[in-house]
Amino acid sequence: YKDWFHVHQFPLKEGSAFHYETFGFYEDMPKLN
């Protein structure tokens, strides 16, 4: 499912940083591709 989302890099999360597109800047709402 890695192409189901707008991923910038892996891993998706590193500490408090996340590397994927979201609605707004809410990390609990990943944007669908």
PDB file of all heavy atoms in Angstrom:
ATOM      1  N   TYR A   1       0.812  -1.227   0.000  1.00  0.00           N
ATOM      2  CA  TYR A   1       0.000   0.000   0.000  1.00  0.00           C
ATOM      3  C   TYR A   1       0.842   1.271   0.000  1.00  0.00           C
ATOM      4  O   TYR A   1       0.322   2.364   0.201  1.00  0.00           O
ATOM      5  CB  TYR A   1      -0.924   0.008   1.223  1.00  0.00           C
ATOM      6  CG  TYR A   1      -1.881  -1.163   1.283  1.00  0.00           C
ATOM      7  CD1 TYR A   1      -1.615  -2.243   2.136  1.00  0.00           C
ATOM      8  CD2 TYR A   1      -3.026  -1.204   0.498  1.00  0.00           C
ATOM      9  CE1 TYR A   1      -2.482  -3.337   2.199  1.00  0.00           C
ATOM     10  CE2 TYR A   1      -3.894  -2.285   0.556  1.00  0.00           C
ATOM     11  CZ  TYR A   1      -3.620  -3.344   1.408  1.00  0.00           C
ATOM     12  OH  TYR A   1      -4.477  -4.420   1.466  1.00  0.00           O
ATOM     13  N   LYS A   2       2.154   1.139  -0.229  1.00  0.00           N
ATOM     14  CA  LYS A   2       3.017   2.311  -0.086  1.00  0.00           C
ATOM     15  C   LYS A   2       2.661   3.435  -1.059  1.00  0.00           C
ATOM     16  O   LYS A   2       2.882   4.607  -0.783  1.00  0.00           O
ATOM     17  CB  LYS A   2       4.485   1.926  -0.249  1.00  0.00           C
ATOM     18  CG  LYS A   2       4.891   1.418  -1.632  1.00  0.00           C
ATOM     19  CD  LYS A   2       6.361   1.010  -1.654  1.00  0.00           C
ATOM     20  CE  LYS A   2       6.764   0.450  -3.016  1.00  0.00           C
ATOM     21  NZ  LYS A   2       6.686   1.465  -4.085  1.00  0.00           N
ATOM     22  N   ASP A   3       2.056   3.085  -2.210  1.00  0.00           N
ATOM     23  CA  ASP A   3       1.671   4.105  -3.185  1.00  0.00           C
ATOM     24  C   ASP A   3       0.241   4.602  -2.987  1.00  0.00           C
ATOM     25  O   ASP A   3      -0.259   5.393  -3.782  1.00  0.00           O
ATOM     26  CB  ASP A   3       1.829   3.558  -4.603  1.00  0.00           C
ATOM     27  CG  ASP A   3       3.288   3.273  -4.946  1.00  0.00           C
ATOM     28  OD1 ASP A   3       4.160   4.020  -4.463  1.00  0.00           O
ATOM     29  OD2 ASP A   3       3.544   2.308  -5.700  1.00  0.00           O
ATOM     30  N   TRP A   4      -0.404   4.151  -1.933  1.00  0.00           N
ATOM     31  CA  TRP A   4      -1.750   4.647  -1.619  1.00  0.00           C
ATOM     32  C   TRP A   4      -1.681   6.045  -0.999  1.00  0.00           C
ATOM     33  O   TRP A   4      -2.707   6.717  -0.885  1.00  0.00           O
ATOM     34  CB  TRP A   4      -2.446   3.691  -0.641  1.00  0.00           C
ATOM     35  CG  TRP A   4      -3.047   2.484  -1.289  1.00  0.00           C
ATOM     36  CD1 TRP A   4      -2.488   1.680  -2.231  1.00  0.00           C
ATOM     37  CD2 TRP A   4      -4.343   1.949  -1.020  1.00  0.00           C
ATOM     38  NE1 TRP A   4      -3.333   0.673  -2.574  1.00  0.00           N
ATOM     39  CE2 TRP A   4      -4.490   0.795  -1.842  1.00  0.00           C
ATOM     40  CE3 TRP A   4      -5.372   2.291  -0.175  1.00  0.00           C
ATOM     41  CZ2 TRP A   4      -5.651   0.010  -1.833  1.00  0.00           C
ATOM     42  CZ3 TRP A   4      -6.529   1.517  -0.154  1.00  0.00           C
ATOM     43  CH2 TRP A   4      -6.665   0.395  -0.976  1.00  0.00           C
ATOM     44  N   PHE A   5      -0.493   6.449  -0.612  1.00  0.00           N
ATOM     45  CA  PHE A   5      -0.331   7.712   0.108  1.00  0.00           C
ATOM     46  C   PHE A   5       0.771   8.547  -0.539  1.00  0.00           C
ATOM     47  O   PHE A   5       1.510   8.063  -1.410  1.00  0.00           O
ATOM     48  CB  PHE A   5      -0.023   7.430   1.587  1.00  0.00           C
ATOM     49  CG  PHE A   5      -1.017   6.508   2.221  1.00  0.00           C
ATOM     50  CD1 PHE A   5      -0.779   5.129   2.269  1.00  0.00           C
ATOM     51  CD2 PHE A   5      -2.207   6.992   2.723  1.00  0.00           C
ATOM     52  CE1 PHE A   5      -1.717   4.263   2.814  1.00  0.00           C
ATOM     53  CE2 PHE A   5      -3.159   6.134   3.279  1.00  0.00           C
ATOM     54  CZ  PHE A   5      -2.901   4.766   3.331  1.00  0.00           C
ATOM     55  N   HIS A   6       0.891   9.786  -0.124  1.00  0.00           N
ATOM     56  CA  HIS A   6       1.920  10.687  -0.654  1.00  0.00           C
ATOM     57  C   HIS A   6       3.108  10.656   0.310  1.00  0.00           C
ATOM     58  O   HIS A   6       3.196  11.458   1.241  1.00  0.00           O
ATOM     59  CB  HIS A   6       1.366  12.103  -0.794  1.00  0.00           C
ATOM     60  CG  HIS A   6       0.204  12.207  -1.753  1.00  0.00           C
ATOM     61  ND1 HIS A   6       0.375  12.482  -3.086  1.00  0.00           N
ATOM     62  CD2 HIS A   6      -1.132  12.058  -1.558  1.00  0.00           C
ATOM     63  CE1 HIS A   6      -0.818  12.519  -3.680  1.00  0.00           C
ATOM     64  NE2 HIS A   6      -1.749  12.253  -2.775  1.00  0.00           N
ATOM     65  N   VAL A   7       4.002   9.708   0.077  1.00  0.00           N
ATOM     66  CA  VAL A   7       5.119   9.477   0.990  1.00  0.00           C
ATOM     67  C   VAL A   7       6.344  10.259   0.521  1.00  0.00           C
ATOM     68  O   VAL A   7       6.728  10.205  -0.648  1.00  0.00           O
ATOM     69  CB  VAL A   7       5.451   7.970   1.066  1.00  0.00           C
ATOM     70  CG1 VAL A   7       6.659   7.745   1.982  1.00  0.00           C
ATOM     71  CG2 VAL A   7       4.230   7.192   1.567  1.00  0.00           C
ATOM     72  N   HIS A   8       6.970  10.992   1.448  1.00  0.00           N
ATOM     73  CA  HIS A   8       8.185  11.740   1.120  1.00  0.00           C
ATOM     74  C   HIS A   8       9.428  10.873   1.273  1.00  0.00           C
ATOM     75  O   HIS A   8      10.343  10.919   0.452  1.00  0.00           O
ATOM     76  CB  HIS A   8       8.307  12.978   2.011  1.00  0.00           C
ATOM     77  CG  HIS A   8       7.202  13.964   1.797  1.00  0.00           C
ATOM     78  ND1 HIS A   8       6.918  14.966   2.698  1.00  0.00           N
ATOM     79  CD2 HIS A   8       6.302  14.101   0.790  1.00  0.00           C
ATOM     80  CE1 HIS A   8       5.913  15.679   2.242  1.00  0.00           C
ATOM     81  NE2 HIS A   8       5.510  15.172   1.097  1.00  0.00           N
ATOM     82  N   GLN A   9       9.444  10.066   2.343  1.00  0.00           N
ATOM     83  CA  GLN A   9      10.581   9.171   2.573  1.00  0.00           C
ATOM     84  C   GLN A   9      10.200   8.143   3.626  1.00  0.00           C
ATOM     85  O   GLN A   9       9.193   8.283   4.324  1.00  0.00           O
ATOM     86  CB  GLN A   9      11.815   9.971   3.043  1.00  0.00           C
ATOM     87  CG  GLN A   9      11.661  10.622   4.418  1.00  0.00           C
ATOM     88  CD  GLN A   9      12.867  11.437   4.812  1.00  0.00           C
ATOM     89  OE1 GLN A   9      13.208  12.402   4.155  1.00  0.00           O
ATOM     90  NE2 GLN A   9      13.506  11.046   5.901  1.00  0.00           N
ATOM     91  N   PHE A  10      10.980   7.092   3.695  1.00  0.00           N
ATOM     92  CA  PHE A  10      10.788   6.044   4.707  1.00  0.00           C
ATOM     93  C   PHE A  10      11.932   6.117   5.706  1.00  0.00           C
ATOM     94  O   PHE A  10      13.053   6.488   5.348  1.00  0.00           O
ATOM     95  CB  PHE A  10      10.748   4.665   4.034  1.00  0.00           C
ATOM     96  CG  PHE A  10       9.548   4.463   3.147  1.00  0.00           C
ATOM     97  CD1 PHE A  10       9.655   4.621   1.768  1.00  0.00           C
ATOM     98  CD2 PHE A  10       8.329   4.114   3.674  1.00  0.00           C
ATOM     99  CE1 PHE A  10       8.573   4.428   0.941  1.00  0.00           C
ATOM    100  CE2 PHE A  10       7.238   3.916   2.847  1.00  0.00           C
ATOM    101  CZ  PHE A  10       7.348   4.087   1.478  1.00  0.00           C
ATOM    102  N   PRO A  11      11.644   5.770   6.970  1.00  0.00           N
ATOM    103  CA  PRO A  11      10.339   5.395   7.510  1.00  0.00           C
ATOM    104  C   PRO A  11       9.384   6.599   7.550  1.00  0.00           C
ATOM    105  O   PRO A  11       9.822   7.752   7.493  1.00  0.00           O
ATOM    106  CB  PRO A  11      10.672   4.903   8.924  1.00  0.00           C
ATOM    107  CG  PRO A  11      11.898   5.673   9.296  1.00  0.00           C
ATOM    108  CD  PRO A  11      12.694   5.798   8.026  1.00  0.00           C
ATOM    109  N   LEU A  12       8.098   6.296   7.666  1.00  0.00           N
ATOM    110  CA  LEU A  12       7.094   7.364   7.660  1.00  0.00           C
ATOM    111  C   LEU A  12       7.239   8.288   8.860  1.00  0.00           C
ATOM    112  O   LEU A  12       6.964   9.484   8.752  1.00  0.00           O
ATOM    113  CB  LEU A  12       5.674   6.773   7.663  1.00  0.00           C
ATOM    114  CG  LEU A  12       5.204   6.068   6.385  1.00  0.00           C
ATOM    115  CD1 LEU A  12       3.727   5.729   6.495  1.00  0.00           C
ATOM    116  CD2 LEU A  12       5.448   6.923   5.155  1.00  0.00           C
ATOM    117  N   LYS A  13       7.690   7.725   9.998  1.00  0.00           N
ATOM    118  CA  LYS A  13       7.802   8.540  11.222  1.00  0.00           C
ATOM    119  C   LYS A  13       9.179   8.360  11.831  1.00  0.00           C
ATOM    120  O   LYS A  13       9.703   7.247  11.917  1.00  0.00           O
ATOM    121  CB  LYS A  13       6.716   8.139  12.220  1.00  0.00           C
ATOM    122  CG  LYS A  13       5.300   8.480  11.786  1.00  0.00           C
ATOM    123  CD  LYS A  13       4.309   8.353  12.938  1.00  0.00           C
ATOM    124  CE  LYS A  13       4.601   9.401  14.019  1.00  0.00           C
ATOM    125  NZ  LYS A  13       3.598   9.362  15.096  1.00  0.00           N
ATOM    126  N   GLU A  14       9.709   9.506  12.253  1.00  0.00           N
ATOM    127  CA  GLU A  14      10.977   9.512  12.996  1.00  0.00           C
ATOM    128  C   GLU A  14      10.819  10.489  14.153  1.00  0.00           C
ATOM    129  O   GLU A  14      10.838  11.698  13.951  1.00  0.00           O
ATOM    130  CB  GLU A  14      12.133   9.926  12.097  1.00  0.00           C
ATOM    131  CG  GLU A  14      12.449   8.926  11.000  1.00  0.00           C
ATOM    132  CD  GLU A  14      13.601   9.374  10.126  1.00  0.00           C
ATOM    133  OE1 GLU A  14      13.448  10.414   9.437  1.00  0.00           O
ATOM    134  OE2 GLU A  14      14.647   8.704  10.137  1.00  0.00           O
ATOM    135  N   GLY A  15      10.611   9.918  15.331  1.00  0.00           N
ATOM    136  CA  GLY A  15      10.355  10.772  16.484  1.00  0.00           C
ATOM    137  C   GLY A  15       9.061  11.537  16.292  1.00  0.00           C
ATOM    138  O   GLY A  15       8.011  10.964  15.985  1.00  0.00           O
ATOM    139  N   SER A  16       9.124  12.873  16.423  1.00  0.00           N
ATOM    140  CA  SER A  16       7.922  13.698  16.254  1.00  0.00           C
ATOM    141  C   SER A  16       7.700  14.098  14.796  1.00  0.00           C
ATOM    142  O   SER A  16       6.685  14.702  14.461  1.00  0.00           O
ATOM    143  CB  SER A  16       8.031  14.956  17.119  1.00  0.00           C
ATOM    144  OG  SER A  16       9.166  15.720  16.737  1.00  0.00           O
ATOM    145  N   ALA A  17       8.642  13.763  13.927  1.00  0.00           N
ATOM    146  CA  ALA A  17       8.526  14.135  12.506  1.00  0.00           C
ATOM    147  C   ALA A  17       7.800  13.042  11.730  1.00  0.00           C
ATOM    148  O   ALA A  17       7.949  11.850  12.023  1.00  0.00           O
ATOM    149  CB  ALA A  17       9.905  14.359  11.917  1.00  0.00           C
ATOM    150  N   PHE A  18       7.000  13.472  10.741  1.00  0.00           N
ATOM    151  CA  PHE A  18       6.372  12.492   9.853  1.00  0.00           C
ATOM    152  C   PHE A  18       6.633  12.909   8.410  1.00  0.00           C
ATOM    153  O   PHE A  18       6.728  14.092   8.086  1.00  0.00           O
ATOM    154  CB  PHE A  18       4.872  12.338  10.147  1.00  0.00           C
ATOM    155  CG  PHE A  18       4.064  13.608  10.097  1.00  0.00           C
ATOM    156  CD1 PHE A  18       3.415  14.006   8.927  1.00  0.00           C
ATOM    157  CD2 PHE A  18       3.923  14.411  11.233  1.00  0.00           C
ATOM    158  CE1 PHE A  18       2.662  15.148   8.885  1.00  0.00           C
ATOM    159  CE2 PHE A  18       3.166  15.569  11.194  1.00  0.00           C
ATOM    160  CZ  PHE A  18       2.525  15.950  10.018  1.00  0.00           C
ATOM    161  N   HIS A  19       6.746  11.895   7.539  1.00  0.00           N
ATOM    162  CA  HIS A  19       7.209  12.125   6.172  1.00  0.00           C
ATOM    163  C   HIS A  19       6.146  11.715   5.140  1.00  0.00           C
ATOM    164  O   HIS A  19       6.420  10.954   4.222  1.00  0.00           O
ATOM    165  CB  HIS A  19       8.512  11.353   5.929  1.00  0.00           C
ATOM    166  CG  HIS A  19       9.577  11.636   6.926  1.00  0.00           C
ATOM    167  ND1 HIS A  19      10.057  12.899   7.166  1.00  0.00           N
ATOM    168  CD2 HIS A  19      10.246  10.808   7.785  1.00  0.00           C
ATOM    169  CE1 HIS A  19      10.980  12.858   8.100  1.00  0.00           C
ATOM    170  NE2 HIS A  19      11.114  11.596   8.505  1.00  0.00           N
ATOM    171  N   TYR A  20       4.954  12.232   5.318  1.00  0.00           N
ATOM    172  CA  TYR A  20       3.871  11.942   4.374  1.00  0.00           C
ATOM    173  C   TYR A  20       2.898  13.125   4.383  1.00  0.00           C
ATOM    174  O   TYR A  20       2.821  13.887   5.348  1.00  0.00           O
ATOM    175  CB  TYR A  20       3.146  10.640   4.744  1.00  0.00           C
ATOM    176  CG  TYR A  20       2.671  10.580   6.181  1.00  0.00           C
ATOM    177  CD1 TYR A  20       1.385  11.014   6.535  1.00  0.00           C
ATOM    178  CD2 TYR A  20       3.493  10.080   7.202  1.00  0.00           C
ATOM    179  CE1 TYR A  20       0.953  10.970   7.850  1.00  0.00           C
ATOM    180  CE2 TYR A  20       3.066  10.031   8.512  1.00  0.00           C
ATOM    181  CZ  TYR A  20       1.797  10.485   8.831  1.00  0.00           C
ATOM    182  OH  TYR A  20       1.376  10.442  10.139  1.00  0.00           O
ATOM    183  N   GLU A  21       2.180  13.262   3.278  1.00  0.00           N
ATOM    184  CA  GLU A  21       1.199  14.342   3.157  1.00  0.00           C
ATOM    185  C   GLU A  21      -0.022  14.032   4.019  1.00  0.00           C
ATOM    186  O   GLU A  21      -0.424  12.867   4.171  1.00  0.00           O
ATOM    187  CB  GLU A  21       0.760  14.514   1.704  1.00  0.00           C
ATOM    188  CG  GLU A  21       1.853  14.969   0.750  1.00  0.00           C
ATOM    189  CD  GLU A  21       2.244  16.417   0.978  1.00  0.00           C
ATOM    190  OE1 GLU A  21       1.385  17.225   1.393  1.00  0.00           O
ATOM    191  OE2 GLU A  21       3.429  16.744   0.759  1.00  0.00           O
ATOM    192  N   THR A  22      -0.630  15.089   4.554  1.00  0.00           N
ATOM    193  CA  THR A  22      -1.801  14.931   5.411  1.00  0.00           C
ATOM    194  C   THR A  22      -2.834  15.992   5.058  1.00  0.00           C
ATOM    195  O   THR A  22      -2.571  16.911   4.284  1.00  0.00           O
ATOM    196  CB  THR A  22      -1.418  15.106   6.893  1.00  0.00           C
ATOM    197  OG1 THR A  22      -0.940  16.451   7.082  1.00  0.00           O
ATOM    198  CG2 THR A  22      -0.368  14.107   7.322  1.00  0.00           C
ATOM    199  N   PHE A  23      -4.014  15.846   5.628  1.00  0.00           N
ATOM    200  CA  PHE A  23      -4.981  16.937   5.594  1.00  0.00           C
ATOM    201  C   PHE A  23      -4.488  17.996   6.575  1.00  0.00           C
ATOM    202  O   PHE A  23      -4.274  17.706   7.756  1.00  0.00           O
ATOM    203  CB  PHE A  23      -6.377  16.461   5.999  1.00  0.00           C
ATOM    204  CG  PHE A  23      -7.312  17.600   6.317  1.00  0.00           C
ATOM    205  CD1 PHE A  23      -7.658  18.523   5.341  1.00  0.00           C
ATOM    206  CD2 PHE A  23      -7.820  17.771   7.596  1.00  0.00           C
ATOM    207  CE1 PHE A  23      -8.502  19.585   5.627  1.00  0.00           C
ATOM    208  CE2 PHE A  23      -8.665  18.829   7.893  1.00  0.00           C
ATOM    209  CZ  PHE A  23      -9.005  19.739   6.908  1.00  0.00           C
ATOM    210  N   GLY A  24      -4.300  19.226   6.084  1.00  0.00           N
ATOM    211  CA  GLY A  24      -3.698  20.243   6.934  1.00  0.00           C
ATOM    212  C   GLY A  24      -2.323  19.751   7.358  1.00  0.00           C
ATOM    213  O   GLY A  24      -1.534  19.278   6.548  1.00  0.00           O
ATOM    214  N   PHE A  25      -2.056  19.822   8.640  1.00  0.00           N
ATOM    215  CA  PHE A  25      -0.820  19.268   9.190  1.00  0.00           C
ATOM    216  C   PHE A  25      -1.142  18.294  10.324  1.00  0.00           C
ATOM    217  O   PHE A  25      -0.416  18.203  11.305  1.00  0.00           O
ATOM    218  CB  PHE A  25       0.106  20.388   9.671  1.00  0.00           C
ATOM    219  CG  PHE A  25       0.627  21.254   8.542  1.00  0.00           C
ATOM    220  CD1 PHE A  25       0.072  22.485   8.294  1.00  0.00           C
ATOM    221  CD2 PHE A  25       1.651  20.797   7.717  1.00  0.00           C
ATOM    222  CE1 PHE A  25       0.541  23.284   7.253  1.00  0.00           C
ATOM    223  CE2 PHE A  25       2.119  21.571   6.674  1.00  0.00           C
ATOM    224  CZ  PHE A  25       1.563  22.821   6.434  1.00  0.00           C
ATOM    225  N   TYR A  26      -2.284  17.589  10.141  1.00  0.00           N
ATOM    226  CA  TYR A  26      -2.715  16.623  11.155  1.00  0.00           C
ATOM    227  C   TYR A  26      -2.147  15.253  10.803  1.00  0.00           C
ATOM    228  O   TYR A  26      -2.596  14.605   9.847  1.00  0.00           O
ATOM    229  CB  TYR A  26      -4.240  16.570  11.230  1.00  0.00           C
ATOM    230  CG  TYR A  26      -4.880  17.896  11.553  1.00  0.00           C
ATOM    231  CD1 TYR A  26      -5.473  18.670  10.562  1.00  0.00           C
ATOM    232  CD2 TYR A  26      -4.885  18.376  12.859  1.00  0.00           C
ATOM    233  CE1 TYR A  26      -6.056  19.891  10.862  1.00  0.00           C
ATOM    234  CE2 TYR A  26      -5.473  19.591  13.177  1.00  0.00           C
ATOM    235  CZ  TYR A  26      -6.053  20.348  12.164  1.00  0.00           C
ATOM    236  OH  TYR A  26      -6.640  21.565  12.466  1.00  0.00           O
ATOM    237  N   GLU A  27      -1.188  14.773  11.568  1.00  0.00           N
ATOM    238  CA  GLU A  27      -0.534  13.517  11.206  1.00  0.00           C
ATOM    239  C   GLU A  27      -1.464  12.323  11.306  1.00  0.00           C
ATOM    240  O   GLU A  27      -1.187  11.270  10.712  1.00  0.00           O
ATOM    241  CB  GLU A  27       0.702  13.283  12.086  1.00  0.00           C
ATOM    242  CG  GLU A  27       0.419  13.048  13.562  1.00  0.00           C
ATOM    243  CD  GLU A  27       1.697  12.683  14.311  1.00  0.00           C
ATOM    244  OE1 GLU A  27       2.182  11.558  14.126  1.00  0.00           O
ATOM    245  OE2 GLU A  27       2.199  13.542  15.055  1.00  0.00           O
ATOM    246  N   ASP A  28      -2.606  12.474  12.022  1.00  0.00           N
ATOM    247  CA  ASP A  28      -3.538  11.346  12.119  1.00  0.00           C
ATOM    248  C   ASP A  28      -4.541  11.327  10.965  1.00  0.00           C
ATOM    249  O   ASP A  28      -5.478  10.540  10.962  1.00  0.00           O
ATOM    250  CB  ASP A  28      -4.282  11.393  13.463  1.00  0.00           C
ATOM    251  CG  ASP A  28      -5.112  12.643  13.643  1.00  0.00           C
ATOM    252  OD1 ASP A  28      -4.852  13.641  12.946  1.00  0.00           O
ATOM    253  OD2 ASP A  28      -6.043  12.632  14.488  1.00  0.00           O
ATOM    254  N   MET A  29      -4.331  12.198   9.932  1.00  0.00           N
ATOM    255  CA  MET A  29      -5.190  12.197   8.751  1.00  0.00           C
ATOM    256  C   MET A  29      -4.332  12.141   7.485  1.00  0.00           C
ATOM    257  O   MET A  29      -4.163  13.135   6.772  1.00  0.00           O
ATOM    258  CB  MET A  29      -6.095  13.439   8.730  1.00  0.00           C
ATOM    259  CG  MET A  29      -7.133  13.471   9.849  1.00  0.00           C
ATOM    260  SD  MET A  29      -8.219  14.908   9.689  1.00  0.00           S
ATOM    261  CE  MET A  29      -9.349  14.622  11.057  1.00  0.00           C
ATOM    262  N   PRO A  30      -3.742  10.979   7.166  1.00  0.00           N
ATOM    263  CA  PRO A  30      -2.890  10.848   5.973  1.00  0.00           C
ATOM    264  C   PRO A  30      -3.681  11.084   4.684  1.00  0.00           C
ATOM    265  O   PRO A  30      -4.804  10.597   4.546  1.00  0.00           O
ATOM    266  CB  PRO A  30      -2.399   9.399   6.044  1.00  0.00           C
ATOM    267  CG  PRO A  30      -2.710   8.929   7.428  1.00  0.00           C
ATOM    268  CD  PRO A  30      -3.879   9.710   7.896  1.00  0.00           C
ATOM    269  N   LYS A  31      -3.091  11.834   3.772  1.00  0.00           N
ATOM    270  CA  LYS A  31      -3.755  12.135   2.510  1.00  0.00           C
ATOM    271  C   LYS A  31      -3.666  10.944   1.565  1.00  0.00           C
ATOM    272  O   LYS A  31      -2.597  10.368   1.361  1.00  0.00           O
ATOM    273  CB  LYS A  31      -3.129  13.365   1.853  1.00  0.00           C
ATOM    274  CG  LYS A  31      -3.800  13.794   0.549  1.00  0.00           C
ATOM    275  CD  LYS A  31      -3.219  15.104   0.030  1.00  0.00           C
ATOM    276  CE  LYS A  31      -3.790  15.460  -1.344  1.00  0.00           C
ATOM    277  NZ  LYS A  31      -5.250  15.648  -1.321  1.00  0.00           N
ATOM    278  N   LEU A  32      -4.799  10.585   0.969  1.00  0.00           N
ATOM    279  CA  LEU A  32      -4.860   9.471   0.033  1.00  0.00           C
ATOM    280  C   LEU A  32      -4.406   9.908  -1.356  1.00  0.00           C
ATOM    281  O   LEU A  32      -4.672  11.031  -1.796  1.00  0.00           O
ATOM    282  CB  LEU A  32      -6.287   8.928  -0.041  1.00  0.00           C
ATOM    283  CG  LEU A  32      -6.777   8.201   1.216  1.00  0.00           C
ATOM    284  CD1 LEU A  32      -8.299   8.137   1.243  1.00  0.00           C
ATOM    285  CD2 LEU A  32      -6.184   6.797   1.284  1.00  0.00           C
ATOM    286  N   ASN A  33      -3.740   9.006  -2.063  1.00  0.00           N
ATOM    287  CA  ASN A  33      -3.279   9.265  -3.421  1.00  0.00           C
ATOM    288  C   ASN A  33      -4.367   8.813  -4.393  1.00  0.00           C
ATOM    289  O   ASN A  33      -4.366   7.683  -4.879  1.00  0.00           O
ATOM    290  CB  ASN A  33      -1.971   8.523  -3.692  1.00  0.00           C
ATOM    291  CG  ASN A  33      -1.473   8.736  -5.105  1.00  0.00           C
ATOM    292  OD1 ASN A  33      -1.949   9.611  -5.816  1.00  0.00           O
ATOM    293  ND2 ASN A  33      -0.511   7.929  -5.515  1.00  0.00           N
TER     294      ASN A  33
END
